[in-house]
Each structure stands twice: as structure tokens, then as C-alpha cells.
PDB file of N, CA and C in Angstrom:
ATOM      1  N   MET A   1      -3.686   9.886  15.623  1.00  0.00           N
ATOM      2  CA  MET A   1      -5.197   9.736  14.882  1.00  0.00           C
ATOM      3  C   MET A   1      -6.023   9.317  15.690  1.00  0.00           C
ATOM      4  N   ALA A   2      -6.300   9.540  16.694  1.00  0.00           N
ATOM      5  CA  ALA A   2      -7.268   9.302  17.898  1.00  0.00           C
ATOM      6  C   ALA A   2      -8.653   9.838  17.614  1.00  0.00           C
ATOM      7  N   LYS A   3      -8.468  11.180  17.136  1.00  0.00           N
ATOM      8  CA  LYS A   3      -9.840  11.563  16.434  1.00  0.00           C
ATOM      9  C   LYS A   3     -10.185  11.010  15.492  1.00  0.00           C
ATOM     10  N   SER A   4      -9.672  10.423  14.461  1.00  0.00           N
ATOM     11  CA  SER A   4     -10.195   9.796  13.214  1.00  0.00           C
ATOM     12  C   SER A   4     -11.336   8.588  13.536  1.00  0.00           C
ATOM     13  N   ARG A   5     -11.800   8.444  14.621  1.00  0.00           N
ATOM     14  CA  ARG A   5     -12.905   7.351  14.900  1.00  0.00           C
ATOM     15  C   ARG A   5     -14.454   8.040  14.807  1.00  0.00           C
ATOM     16  N   SER A   6     -14.478   9.045  14.419  1.00  0.00           N
ATOM     17  CA  SER A   6     -15.661   9.388  13.980  1.00  0.00           C
ATOM     18  C   SER A   6     -15.984  10.159  12.558  1.00  0.00           C
ATOM     19  N   GLY A   7     -17.400  10.155  12.178  1.00  0.00           N
ATOM     20  CA  GLY A   7     -17.471  10.894  11.083  1.00  0.00           C
ATOM     21  C   GLY A   7     -16.843  10.554   9.662  1.00  0.00           C
ATOM     22  N   LEU A   8     -16.567  11.367   9.286  1.00  0.00           N
ATOM     23  CA  LEU A   8     -15.955  11.351   7.374  1.00  0.00           C
ATOM     24  C   LEU A   8     -14.500  11.307   7.654  1.00  0.00           C
ATOM     25  N   SER A   9     -13.911  11.382   8.736  1.00  0.00           N
ATOM     26  CA  SER A   9     -12.531  11.074   9.199  1.00  0.00           C
ATOM     27  C   SER A   9     -12.380   9.694   9.125  1.00  0.00           C
ATOM     28  N   PHE A  10     -13.212   9.012   9.657  1.00  0.00           N
ATOM     29  CA  PHE A  10     -13.274   7.749  10.063  1.00  0.00           C
ATOM     30  C   PHE A  10     -13.278   6.973   8.363  1.00  0.00           C
ATOM     31  N   VAL A  11     -14.279   7.443   7.742  1.00  0.00           N
ATOM     32  CA  VAL A  11     -14.307   7.014   6.326  1.00  0.00           C
ATOM     33  C   VAL A  11     -13.094   6.857   5.696  1.00  0.00           C
ATOM     34  N   PHE A  12     -12.259   8.086   5.518  1.00  0.00           N
ATOM     35  CA  PHE A  12     -11.069   8.085   5.016  1.00  0.00           C
ATOM     36  C   PHE A  12     -10.113   7.335   5.566  1.00  0.00           C
ATOM     37  N   PHE A  13      -9.984   7.451   6.629  1.00  0.00           N
ATOM     38  CA  PHE A  13      -9.077   6.493   7.462  1.00  0.00           C
ATOM     39  C   PHE A  13      -9.239   4.964   6.939  1.00  0.00           C
ATOM     40  N   PHE A  14     -10.308   4.362   7.369  1.00  0.00           N
ATOM     41  CA  PHE A  14     -11.084   3.012   6.783  1.00  0.00           C
ATOM     42  C   PHE A  14     -10.284   2.959   5.519  1.00  0.00           C
ATOM     43  N   LEU A  15     -11.008   3.545   4.389  1.00  0.00           N
ATOM     44  CA  LEU A  15     -10.275   3.695   3.062  1.00  0.00           C
ATOM     45  C   LEU A  15      -8.967   3.290   2.831  1.00  0.00           C
ATOM     46  N   ALA A  16      -8.281   4.397   3.637  1.00  0.00           N
ATOM     47  CA  ALA A  16      -6.816   4.466   3.125  1.00  0.00           C
ATOM     48  C   ALA A  16      -6.127   3.247   3.594  1.00  0.00           C
ATOM     49  N   GLN A  17      -6.680   2.572   5.096  1.00  0.00           N
ATOM     50  CA  GLN A  17      -6.220   1.204   5.389  1.00  0.00           C
ATOM     51  C   GLN A  17      -6.549   0.070   4.336  1.00  0.00           C
ATOM     52  N   VAL A  18      -7.628   0.091   3.570  1.00  0.00           N
ATOM     53  CA  VAL A  18      -8.029  -0.827   2.907  1.00  0.00           C
ATOM     54  C   VAL A  18      -7.271  -0.743   1.452  1.00  0.00           C
ATOM     55  N   VAL A  19      -6.849   0.465   1.321  1.00  0.00           N
ATOM     56  CA  VAL A  19      -6.298   0.394   0.062  1.00  0.00           C
ATOM     57  C   VAL A  19      -4.623   0.114   0.214  1.00  0.00           C
ATOM     58  N   GLY A  20      -4.123   0.273   1.403  1.00  0.00           N
ATOM     59  CA  GLY A  20      -2.930  -0.116   1.886  1.00  0.00           C
ATOM     60  C   GLY A  20      -2.760  -1.890   1.973  1.00  0.00           C
ATOM     61  N   ILE A  21      -3.952  -2.543   2.306  1.00  0.00           N
ATOM     62  CA  ILE A  21      -3.795  -3.835   2.519  1.00  0.00           C
ATOM     63  C   ILE A  21      -4.370  -4.056   0.855  1.00  0.00           C
ATOM     64  N   VAL A  22      -4.493  -3.699  -0.048  1.00  0.00           N
ATOM     65  CA  VAL A  22      -4.595  -4.344  -1.163  1.00  0.00           C
ATOM     66  C   VAL A  22      -3.390  -4.092  -1.947  1.00  0.00           C
ATOM     67  N   LEU A  23      -2.628  -3.011  -1.748  1.00  0.00           N
ATOM     68  CA  LEU A  23      -1.062  -2.681  -1.837  1.00  0.00           C
ATOM     69  C   LEU A  23      -0.395  -3.726  -1.479  1.00  0.00           C
ATOM     70  N   TRP A  24      -0.632  -4.434  -0.242  1.00  0.00           N
ATOM     71  CA  TRP A  24       0.335  -5.296   0.240  1.00  0.00           C
ATOM     72  C   TRP A  24       0.038  -6.594  -0.291  1.00  0.00           C
ATOM     73  N   ILE A  25      -1.114  -7.094  -0.515  1.00  0.00           N
ATOM     74  CA  ILE A  25      -1.555  -8.411  -0.955  1.00  0.00           C
ATOM     75  C   ILE A  25      -0.815  -8.093  -2.625  1.00  0.00           C
ATOM     76  N   GLY A  26      -0.967  -6.894  -3.222  1.00  0.00           N
ATOM     77  CA  GLY A  26      -0.450  -7.163  -4.959  1.00  0.00           C
ATOM     78  C   GLY A  26       1.322  -7.127  -4.228  1.00  0.00           C
ATOM     79  N   TYR A  27       1.656  -6.676  -3.628  1.00  0.00           N
ATOM     80  CA  TYR A  27       3.059  -6.725  -3.210  1.00  0.00           C
ATOM     81  C   TYR A  27       3.717  -8.292  -2.911  1.00  0.00           C
ATOM     82  N   VAL A  28       2.777  -9.013  -2.133  1.00  0.00           N
ATOM     83  CA  VAL A  28       2.905 -10.393  -1.696  1.00  0.00           C
ATOM     84  C   VAL A  28       2.633 -11.329  -3.186  1.00  0.00           C
ATOM     85  N   LEU A  29       1.770 -11.068  -3.406  1.00  0.00           N
ATOM     86  CA  LEU A  29       1.023 -11.863  -4.775  1.00  0.00           C
ATOM     87  C   LEU A  29       2.455 -11.696  -6.124  1.00  0.00           C
ATOM     88  N   THR A  30       2.896 -10.617  -6.230  1.00  0.00           N
ATOM     89  CA  THR A  30       4.487 -10.402  -7.013  1.00  0.00           C
ATOM     90  C   THR A  30       5.335 -11.343  -6.668  1.00  0.00           C
ATOM     91  N   TRP A  31       5.685 -11.468  -5.317  1.00  0.00           N
ATOM     92  CA  TRP A  31       6.879 -12.123  -4.862  1.00  0.00           C
ATOM     93  C   TRP A  31       6.629 -13.421  -5.079  1.00  0.00           C
ATOM     94  N   VAL A  32       5.092 -13.857  -4.601  1.00  0.00           N
ATOM     95  CA  VAL A  32       4.809 -15.203  -4.892  1.00  0.00           C
ATOM     96  C   VAL A  32       4.814 -15.924  -6.564  1.00  0.00           C
ATOM     97  N   GLU A  33       4.691 -14.875  -7.351  1.00  0.00           N
ATOM     98  CA  GLU A  33       4.766 -15.319  -8.646  1.00  0.00           C
ATOM     99  C   GLU A  33       6.247 -15.619  -9.129  1.00  0.00           C
ATOM    100  N   TRP A  34       6.819 -14.577  -8.706  1.00  0.00           N
ATOM    101  CA  TRP A  34       8.502 -14.697  -8.925  1.00  0.00           C
ATOM    102  C   TRP A  34       9.392 -15.978  -8.439  1.00  0.00           C
ATOM    103  N   GLN A  35       8.973 -16.125  -7.103  1.00  0.00           N
ATOM    104  CA  GLN A  35       9.660 -17.164  -6.449  1.00  0.00           C
ATOM    105  C   GLN A  35       9.028 -18.279  -5.728  1.00  0.00           C
ATOM    106  N   GLY A  36       7.746 -18.428  -5.824  1.00  0.00           N
ATOM    107  CA  GLY A  36       6.757 -19.580  -5.274  1.00  0.00           C
ATOM    108  C   GLY A  36       6.736 -19.249  -3.848  1.00  0.00           C
ATOM    109  N   PHE A  37       7.116 -20.235  -3.180  1.00  0.00           N
ATOM    110  CA  PHE A  37       6.702 -20.264  -1.633  1.00  0.00           C
ATOM    111  C   PHE A  37       7.754 -19.283  -0.903  1.00  0.00           C
ATOM    112  N   PHE A  38       8.946 -19.517  -1.376  1.00  0.00           N
ATOM    113  CA  PHE A  38       9.767 -18.477  -0.799  1.00  0.00           C
ATOM    114  C   PHE A  38       9.641 -17.299  -1.029  1.00  0.00           C
ATOM    115  N   GLY A  39       8.963 -16.673  -2.141  1.00  0.00           N
ATOM    116  CA  GLY A  39       8.400 -15.442  -2.559  1.00  0.00           C
ATOM    117  C   GLY A  39       7.325 -15.277  -1.360  1.00  0.00           C
ATOM    118  N   LEU A  40       6.677 -16.008  -1.027  1.00  0.00           N
ATOM    119  CA  LEU A  40       5.652 -15.859   0.224  1.00  0.00           C
ATOM    120  C   LEU A  40       6.163 -15.243   1.484  1.00  0.00           C
ATOM    121  N   LEU A  41       7.114 -16.208   1.431  1.00  0.00           N
ATOM    122  CA  LEU A  41       8.236 -15.827   3.052  1.00  0.00           C
ATOM    123  C   LEU A  41       8.621 -14.541   2.995  1.00  0.00           C
ATOM    124  N   ILE A  42       9.180 -14.183   1.908  1.00  0.00           N
ATOM    125  CA  ILE A  42       9.496 -12.660   1.520  1.00  0.00           C
ATOM    126  C   ILE A  42       8.794 -11.540   1.498  1.00  0.00           C
ATOM    127  N   GLY A  43       7.293 -11.966   0.806  1.00  0.00           N
ATOM    128  CA  GLY A  43       6.381 -10.691   1.045  1.00  0.00           C
ATOM    129  C   GLY A  43       5.949 -10.291   2.327  1.00  0.00           C
ATOM    130  N   VAL A  44       5.421 -11.871   2.937  1.00  0.00           N
ATOM    131  CA  VAL A  44       5.218 -11.300   4.067  1.00  0.00           C
ATOM    132  C   VAL A  44       5.972 -10.980   5.494  1.00  0.00           C
ATOM    133  N   PHE A  45       7.226 -11.421   5.351  1.00  0.00           N
ATOM    134  CA  PHE A  45       8.069 -10.848   6.363  1.00  0.00           C
ATOM    135  C   PHE A  45       8.816  -9.647   6.156  1.00  0.00           C
ATOM    136  N   THR A  46       8.472  -8.988   4.766  1.00  0.00           N
ATOM    137  CA  THR A  46       9.270  -7.602   4.256  1.00  0.00           C
ATOM    138  C   THR A  46       8.237  -6.603   4.138  1.00  0.00           C
ATOM    139  N   LEU A  47       8.931  -5.438   3.897  1.00  0.00           N
ATOM    140  CA  LEU A  47       7.891  -4.388   3.970  1.00  0.00           C
ATOM    141  C   LEU A  47       8.289  -4.053   2.650  1.00  0.00           C
ATOM    142  N   PRO A  48       7.055  -3.728   1.708  1.00  0.00           N
ATOM    143  CA  PRO A  48       7.140  -3.148   0.364  1.00  0.00           C
ATOM    144  C   PRO A  48       7.733  -1.629   0.328  1.00  0.00           C
ATOM    145  N   GLY A  49       9.123  -1.671  -0.040  1.00  0.00           N
ATOM    146  CA  GLY A  49       9.589  -0.155   0.147  1.00  0.00           C
ATOM    147  C   GLY A  49       9.204   0.385  -1.230  1.00  0.00           C
ATOM    148  N   VAL A  50       8.804   1.825  -0.747  1.00  0.00           N
ATOM    149  CA  VAL A  50       8.491   2.779  -1.514  1.00  0.00           C
ATOM    150  C   VAL A  50       9.209   3.111  -2.839  1.00  0.00           C
ATOM    151  N   VAL A  51      10.308   2.909  -2.193  1.00  0.00           N
ATOM    152  CA  VAL A  51      11.535   3.481  -3.250  1.00  0.00           C
ATOM    153  C   VAL A  51      12.150   2.102  -3.861  1.00  0.00           C
ATOM    154  N   ILE A  52      12.608   1.267  -3.233  1.00  0.00           N
ATOM    155  CA  ILE A  52      13.460  -0.381  -3.558  1.00  0.00           C
ATOM    156  C   ILE A  52      12.124  -1.155  -4.398  1.00  0.00           C
ATOM    157  N   PHE A  53      11.099  -1.396  -3.815  1.00  0.00           N
ATOM    158  CA  PHE A  53      10.693  -2.646  -4.585  1.00  0.00           C
ATOM    159  C   PHE A  53      10.021  -2.163  -5.934  1.00  0.00           C
ATOM    160  N   PRO A  54       9.633  -0.794  -6.304  1.00  0.00           N
ATOM    161  CA  PRO A  54       9.023  -0.573  -7.487  1.00  0.00           C
ATOM    162  C   PRO A  54      10.177  -0.578  -8.456  1.00  0.00           C
ATOM    163  N   PHE A  55      11.716  -0.252  -7.964  1.00  0.00           N
ATOM    164  CA  PHE A  55      12.578  -0.366  -8.915  1.00  0.00           C
ATOM    165  C   PHE A  55      12.908  -1.906  -9.251  1.00  0.00           C
ATOM    166  N   ILE A  56      13.150  -3.034  -8.278  1.00  0.00           N
ATOM    167  CA  ILE A  56      12.997  -3.942  -8.338  1.00  0.00           C
ATOM    168  C   ILE A  56      12.264  -4.691  -9.364  1.00  0.00           C
ATOM    169  N   TYR A  57      10.994  -4.418  -9.190  1.00  0.00           N
ATOM    170  CA  TYR A  57       9.552  -5.092 -10.398  1.00  0.00           C
ATOM    171  C   TYR A  57       9.973  -4.046 -11.564  1.00  0.00           C
ATOM    172  N   TRP A  58      10.470  -2.955 -11.540  1.00  0.00           N
ATOM    173  CA  TRP A  58      10.799  -2.343 -13.057  1.00  0.00           C
ATOM    174  C   TRP A  58      11.931  -3.217 -13.866  1.00  0.00           C
ATOM    175  N   LEU A  59      12.796  -3.662 -13.037  1.00  0.00           N
ATOM    176  CA  LEU A  59      13.985  -4.306 -13.502  1.00  0.00           C
ATOM    177  C   LEU A  59      13.588  -5.714 -13.934  1.00  0.00           C
ATOM    178  N   VAL A  60      12.935  -6.405 -13.192  1.00  0.00           N
ATOM    179  CA  VAL A  60      12.076  -7.822 -13.321  1.00  0.00           C
ATOM    180  C   VAL A  60      11.373  -8.105 -14.556  1.00  0.00           C
ATOM    181  N   GLU A  61      10.215  -7.178 -14.222  1.00  0.00           N
ATOM    182  CA  GLU A  61       9.424  -7.055 -15.477  1.00  0.00           C
ATOM    183  C   GLU A  61       9.261  -6.114 -16.408  1.00  0.00           C
ATOM    184  N   ASN A  62      10.375  -5.518 -16.378  1.00  0.00           N
ATOM    185  CA  ASN A  62      10.418  -4.562 -17.689  1.00  0.00           C
ATOM    186  C   ASN A  62       9.338  -3.558 -17.716  1.00  0.00           C
ATOM    187  N   GLU A  63       8.686  -3.237 -16.921  1.00  0.00           N
ATOM    188  CA  GLU A  63       7.208  -2.528 -16.924  1.00  0.00           C
ATOM    189  C   GLU A  63       7.313  -1.609 -15.601  1.00  0.00           C
ATOM    190  N   PHE A  64       7.136  -0.237 -15.756  1.00  0.00           N
ATOM    191  CA  PHE A  64       7.122   0.885 -14.845  1.00  0.00           C
ATOM    192  C   PHE A  64       5.772  -0.008 -13.874  1.00  0.00           C
ATOM    193  N   PRO A  65       5.795   0.423 -12.450  1.00  0.00           N
ATOM    194  CA  PRO A  65       4.323  -0.225 -11.772  1.00  0.00           C
ATOM    195  C   PRO A  65       3.684   0.785 -11.298  1.00  0.00           C
ATOM    196  N   VAL A  66       3.026   1.174 -12.389  1.00  0.00           N
ATOM    197  CA  VAL A  66       1.813   2.388 -12.295  1.00  0.00           C
ATOM    198  C   VAL A  66       0.861   2.228 -11.301  1.00  0.00           C
ATOM    199  N   ARG A  67       0.342   0.822 -11.268  1.00  0.00           N
ATOM    200  CA  ARG A  67      -0.837   0.626 -10.108  1.00  0.00           C
ATOM    201  C   ARG A  67      -0.441   0.941  -9.190  1.00  0.00           C
ATOM    202  N   TYR A  68       1.035  -0.171  -8.871  1.00  0.00           N
ATOM    203  CA  TYR A  68       1.792   0.415  -7.181  1.00  0.00           C
ATOM    204  C   TYR A  68       1.637   1.662  -6.714  1.00  0.00           C
ATOM    205  N   PHE A  69       2.425   2.454  -7.678  1.00  0.00           N
ATOM    206  CA  PHE A  69       2.223   4.033  -7.267  1.00  0.00           C
ATOM    207  C   PHE A  69       1.021   4.691  -7.112  1.00  0.00           C
ATOM    208  N   ALA A  70      -0.104   4.113  -8.157  1.00  0.00           N
ATOM    209  CA  ALA A  70      -1.362   5.042  -7.795  1.00  0.00           C
ATOM    210  C   ALA A  70      -1.866   4.396  -6.614  1.00  0.00           C
ATOM    211  N   LEU A  71      -2.008   3.211  -6.095  1.00  0.00           N
ATOM    212  CA  LEU A  71      -2.251   2.768  -4.763  1.00  0.00           C
ATOM    213  C   LEU A  71      -1.781   3.490  -3.609  1.00  0.00           C
ATOM    214  N   TRP A  72      -0.467   3.640  -3.853  1.00  0.00           N
ATOM    215  CA  TRP A  72       0.272   4.390  -2.851  1.00  0.00           C
ATOM    216  C   TRP A  72      -0.007   5.457  -2.599  1.00  0.00           C
ATOM    217  N   ALA A  73      -0.377   6.350  -4.004  1.00  0.00           N
ATOM    218  CA  ALA A  73      -0.658   7.667  -3.514  1.00  0.00           C
ATOM    219  C   ALA A  73      -1.866   7.882  -3.015  1.00  0.00           C
ATOM    220  N   ALA A  74      -2.796   6.900  -3.336  1.00  0.00           N
ATOM    221  CA  ALA A  74      -4.385   7.100  -3.019  1.00  0.00           C
ATOM    222  C   ALA A  74      -4.423   6.758  -1.255  1.00  0.00           C
ATOM    223  N   SER A  75      -3.457   5.418  -0.772  1.00  0.00           N
ATOM    224  CA  SER A  75      -3.481   5.563   0.689  1.00  0.00           C
ATOM    225  C   SER A  75      -3.078   6.787   0.992  1.00  0.00           C
ATOM    226  N   VAL A  76      -1.941   7.064   0.728  1.00  0.00           N
ATOM    227  CA  VAL A  76      -1.291   8.614   1.385  1.00  0.00           C
ATOM    228  C   VAL A  76      -2.378   9.562   1.314  1.00  0.00           C
ATOM    229  N   ILE A  77      -3.230  10.107   0.174  1.00  0.00           N
ATOM    230  CA  ILE A  77      -4.084  11.054   0.122  1.00  0.00           C
ATOM    231  C   ILE A  77      -4.886  11.158   1.040  1.00  0.00           C
ATOM    232  N   LEU A  78      -5.640   9.411   1.145  1.00  0.00           N
ATOM    233  CA  LEU A  78      -7.059   9.115   1.902  1.00  0.00           C
ATOM    234  C   LEU A  78      -6.275   9.550   3.232  1.00  0.00           C
ATOM    235  N   MET A  79      -5.307   9.371   3.853  1.00  0.00           N
ATOM    236  CA  MET A  79      -4.581   9.103   5.167  1.00  0.00           C
ATOM    237  C   MET A  79      -4.747  10.913   5.486  1.00  0.00           C
ATOM    238  N   THR A  80      -4.035  11.530   4.693  1.00  0.00           N
ATOM    239  CA  THR A  80      -4.241  12.942   4.625  1.00  0.00           C
ATOM    240  C   THR A  80      -5.562  13.303   4.934  1.00  0.00           C
ATOM    241  N   LEU A  81      -6.608  13.144   3.710  1.00  0.00           N
ATOM    242  CA  LEU A  81      -7.637  13.647   4.277  1.00  0.00           C
ATOM    243  C   LEU A  81      -8.427  13.328   5.666  1.00  0.00           C
ATOM    244  N   SER A  82      -8.174  12.115   6.130  1.00  0.00           N
ATOM    245  CA  SER A  82      -7.993  11.633   7.756  1.00  0.00           C
ATOM    246  C   SER A  82      -8.241  12.419   8.452  1.00  0.00           C
ATOM    247  N   GLY A  83      -6.963  13.152   8.246  1.00  0.00           N
ATOM    248  CA  GLY A  83      -6.352  14.023   9.335  1.00  0.00           C
ATOM    249  C   GLY A  83      -6.902  15.207   9.314  1.00  0.00           C
ATOM    250  N   VAL A  84      -7.134  15.644   7.882  1.00  0.00           N
ATOM    251  CA  VAL A  84      -7.429  17.345   7.595  1.00  0.00           C
ATOM    252  C   VAL A  84      -9.168  17.310   8.164  1.00  0.00           C
ATOM    253  N   ALA A  85      -9.882  16.045   8.205  1.00  0.00           N
ATOM    254  CA  ALA A  85     -11.319  15.993   8.394  1.00  0.00           C
ATOM    255  C   ALA A  85     -11.900  15.725   9.835  1.00  0.00           C
ATOM    256  N   SER A  86     -10.607  15.125  10.834  1.00  0.00           N
ATOM    257  CA  SER A  86     -10.767  15.192  12.057  1.00  0.00           C
ATOM    258  C   SER A  86     -11.138  16.240  12.654  1.00  0.00           C
ATOM    259  N   ASP A  87     -11.844  16.207  13.969  1.00  0.00           N
ATOM    260  CA  ASP A  87     -12.225  17.435  14.448  1.00  0.00           C
ATOM    261  C   ASP A  87     -10.977  17.697  15.595  1.00  0.00           C
ATOM    262  N   ASP A  88     -10.123  18.490  15.348  1.00  0.00           N
ATOM    263  CA  ASP A  88      -8.971  18.842  16.511  1.00  0.00           C
ATOM    264  C   ASP A  88      -9.622  20.135  17.502  1.00  0.00           C
TER     265      ASP A  88
END
């Protein structure tokens, strides 16, 4: 992604990173809500699995994590657009 530092590609890349950070913050805050300080350690030192964490959330909260998948999809789409918009 060396070419993603110019123009529209940069904007898509930047937005994808912002959405990814928001997704990670939501992941950490969910763990903190469930486990307190230990949840903070879990959230900071583990990766939010695209497959595992949503099912854990679904089991614990008894609610499908629609916002999690929406943010994840937005990040993937923006990263793809960044690659498409880069000047190759």
C-alpha cells in the first residue's frame, strides 16, 4: 500500500484506519464492561477475532453484533477502495 499516500486513495485508507480503530475501541470497551480491569487487559492484548468474538458476544449478550459486523465491513470496503483508487 505504498501508493496509498496520495489523493483519493489516501482518504479511503485513512477512513479505513479510523473505522478500524473505532472497531477496536468498541471491542476493548465490551471486554471492560464484562470483566472490568481484567477485561481491559484482555481487550488490549488480544485481537478481536472476526469469527470468535462475535459469537462470544452473541452468547453473552444474547444479541447479534450487527454494529460490529457493519464496522468491520466498512473497514474492509474502504481498504479495498483505497487499493482500487491507488495509482498503479
